[in-house]
Amino acid sequence: MKITRWTYWSNQNFKTVDSMDKAQFDEATETVIQELKNKGYAFTGKYHQEGLYGCPVIDNTYLYNVSQRSWGDIMCKAYTISDRDGMGYTYWAWDAPKGALQRYPDGTMMMVR
C-alpha cells in the first residue's frame, strides 16, 4: 500500500476505510504511520478531520478517515510517545503537545506554544 495524496476528511470521491477488512486496515494504518515518520508530518486529530490536507488517500482508492482519537493514537505510534495507560492518544487527538512543531502535508508548519 502507498499514500498517493492528501485531501480533506469528507472527500466523497474515495471509498472509506470502513470498507476495508481488518488486514487491509492494519496494513493501511502501518502505511500511514510510516508516511508520517518519513515525511515528518505531525498534526492533531482535529486537523485530520478539519484540515484541507489532513486525510491520506491509500492507493488512490481509500480515504483513511478515522476519529480524532484514532488519529491521536496513530501519532503516538509514529513518534513513540508513551501510551500513558491507554491515554497516549490524548497528546495529539485534539491539541498538539506544548512545544510541538506541527508539520502539514501542504508544507506549512506551526509551533505550539
Protein backbone atom coordinates (compact mmCIF):
# COMPACT_ATOMS: atom_id res chain seq x y z
CA MET A 1 0.00 0.00 0.00
CA LYS A 2 1.05 3.56 -0.65
CA ILE A 3 -0.25 7.03 0.18
CA THR A 4 -0.95 8.67 -3.16
CA ARG A 5 -2.21 12.05 -1.96
CA TRP A 6 -3.66 14.01 0.96
CA THR A 7 -7.12 15.54 0.93
CA TYR A 8 -9.96 16.59 3.23
CA TRP A 9 -11.75 14.16 5.57
CA SER A 10 -15.18 14.20 3.93
CA ASN A 11 -14.00 13.84 0.31
CA GLN A 12 -16.59 11.54 -1.27
CA ASN A 13 -14.50 10.65 -4.33
CA PHE A 14 -12.93 7.71 -2.47
CA LYS A 15 -14.00 4.62 -0.57
CA THR A 16 -13.59 4.93 3.19
CA VAL A 17 -11.55 2.72 5.48
CA ASP A 18 -14.84 1.27 6.72
CA SER A 19 -14.94 -0.76 3.51
CA MET A 20 -11.57 -2.44 4.28
CA ASP A 21 -11.23 -5.75 6.06
CA LYS A 22 -9.13 -5.86 9.24
CA ALA A 23 -5.94 -6.99 7.49
CA GLN A 24 -6.23 -4.18 4.93
CA PHE A 25 -6.97 -1.64 7.65
CA ASP A 26 -3.96 -2.75 9.71
CA GLU A 27 -1.72 -2.50 6.65
CA ALA A 28 -3.14 0.94 5.80
CA THR A 29 -2.51 2.11 9.37
CA GLU A 30 1.10 1.00 9.20
CA THR A 31 1.45 2.75 5.82
CA VAL A 32 0.15 6.00 7.36
CA ILE A 33 2.50 5.70 10.34
CA GLN A 34 5.50 5.16 8.05
CA GLU A 35 4.50 8.14 5.86
CA LEU A 36 4.20 10.40 8.91
CA LYS A 37 7.64 9.34 10.12
CA ASN A 38 9.30 9.51 6.70
CA LYS A 39 7.91 12.93 5.80
CA GLY A 40 7.98 14.37 9.33
CA TYR A 41 4.27 15.19 9.30
CA ALA A 42 2.77 15.80 12.72
CA PHE A 43 -0.70 17.19 13.33
CA THR A 44 -3.75 16.74 15.50
CA GLY A 45 -6.84 14.64 15.02
CA LYS A 46 -8.72 17.90 14.75
CA TYR A 47 -6.65 18.90 11.71
CA HIS A 48 -7.00 15.35 10.35
CA GLN A 49 -10.77 15.90 10.26
CA GLU A 50 -10.99 19.63 9.54
CA GLY A 51 -7.84 20.48 7.59
CA LEU A 52 -7.70 20.73 3.83
CA TYR A 53 -4.88 18.16 3.62
CA GLY A 54 -5.38 16.18 6.83
CA CYS A 55 -6.53 12.89 5.38
CA PRO A 56 -4.33 10.43 3.48
CA VAL A 57 -5.57 8.54 0.43
CA ILE A 58 -4.32 4.97 0.13
CA ASP A 59 -3.59 3.61 -3.36
CA ASN A 60 -5.76 6.33 -4.92
CA THR A 61 -8.76 4.33 -3.66
CA TYR A 62 -9.27 4.55 0.11
CA LEU A 63 -9.73 7.67 2.20
CA TYR A 64 -8.07 6.98 5.55
CA ASN A 65 -10.57 8.98 7.61
CA VAL A 66 -10.61 7.97 11.25
CA SER A 67 -11.74 9.54 14.53
CA GLN A 68 -9.70 12.23 16.24
CA ARG A 69 -8.85 9.76 18.99
CA SER A 70 -7.68 7.16 16.47
CA TRP A 71 -5.52 9.79 14.77
CA GLY A 72 -4.03 10.71 18.14
CA ASP A 73 -3.15 7.05 18.66
CA ILE A 74 -1.52 6.90 15.21
CA MET A 75 0.58 9.97 16.04
CA CYS A 76 1.69 8.34 19.31
CA LYS A 77 2.77 5.24 17.41
CA ALA A 78 4.56 7.28 14.74
CA TYR A 79 6.50 9.30 17.28
CA THR A 80 6.86 6.68 20.04
CA ILE A 81 5.00 8.61 22.69
CA SER A 82 4.19 6.69 25.86
CA ASP A 83 0.75 5.10 25.85
CA ARG A 84 0.08 6.50 29.36
CA ASP A 85 -2.13 3.58 30.36
CA GLY A 86 -4.22 3.76 27.21
CA MET A 87 -4.47 7.55 27.20
CA GLY A 88 -1.47 8.38 24.97
CA TYR A 89 -3.77 9.37 22.12
CA THR A 90 -4.72 12.49 24.10
CA TYR A 91 -1.34 14.05 23.22
CA TRP A 92 -2.47 14.54 19.60
CA ALA A 93 -6.23 13.91 19.37
CA TRP A 94 -7.42 17.49 19.87
CA ASP A 95 -4.39 19.67 20.64
CA ALA A 96 -0.72 19.15 19.94
CA PRO A 97 1.69 18.88 22.89
CA LYS A 98 3.15 22.18 24.08
CA GLY A 99 6.32 22.99 22.17
CA ALA A 100 5.47 20.60 19.32
CA LEU A 101 6.15 21.61 15.75
CA GLN A 102 3.16 20.67 13.63
CA ARG A 103 4.05 19.90 10.00
CA TYR A 104 1.31 19.52 7.42
CA PRO A 105 1.27 17.75 4.03
CA ASP A 106 0.86 21.09 2.23
CA GLY A 107 4.30 22.17 3.52
CA THR A 108 3.15 24.59 6.22
CA MET A 109 4.29 24.40 9.84
CA MET A 110 3.10 25.74 13.18
CA MET A 111 4.78 25.76 16.60
CA VAL A 112 2.50 25.03 19.56
CA ARG A 113 3.10 27.41 22.46
